């Protein structure tokens, strides 16, 4: 028989009664896109061409999701997701000089989520003898082959980039 102190029993009660109180941390990229799909619809999440997240320690506090407007040429929509909710939205015109992705990301093909990408980046940084304080994440399709790729910018405490890592997602 397992005996629990009153404090531990109360802690378990809080965890099961109020799961939002647990320290789960910010959502991963796949969790953010799943929330986006629930809010906007699966057809809209299937049109996403890129995601970025800044200041990840290990996960960024919010994700920016980019999708083109399929009705108006060169019009882009950017949605900011935080804690499973859209907290910001903007529209802007694509400039030909910008390096913005154009091919929809096949989220069903993503085998490496942002949480795993962080672990891989941390391992590679340790092998190289580099220390970093945060990661700026970018997920986009590579070329017209539509291969999802993580572009991870490792950043030190002085906000200086110390390396960029590309990982096939």
Foldseek 3Di string as FASTA:
>chain_A
DDDDDPVVVVVVVCCVVPVVPDCPDWDWPLLLLVLVCVVVNVVQSQQWFKKKAPFPPQGHQKIWTKGADPVDPQKIKIFIDGPSDTPDIDIDGDDPPDPGGDDGAPVVPDPAISVNVSVVVVVVCVVVVHDARGWIWMWGQDDPVRFIKIWIFGAHPVRDTPDIDIDGD
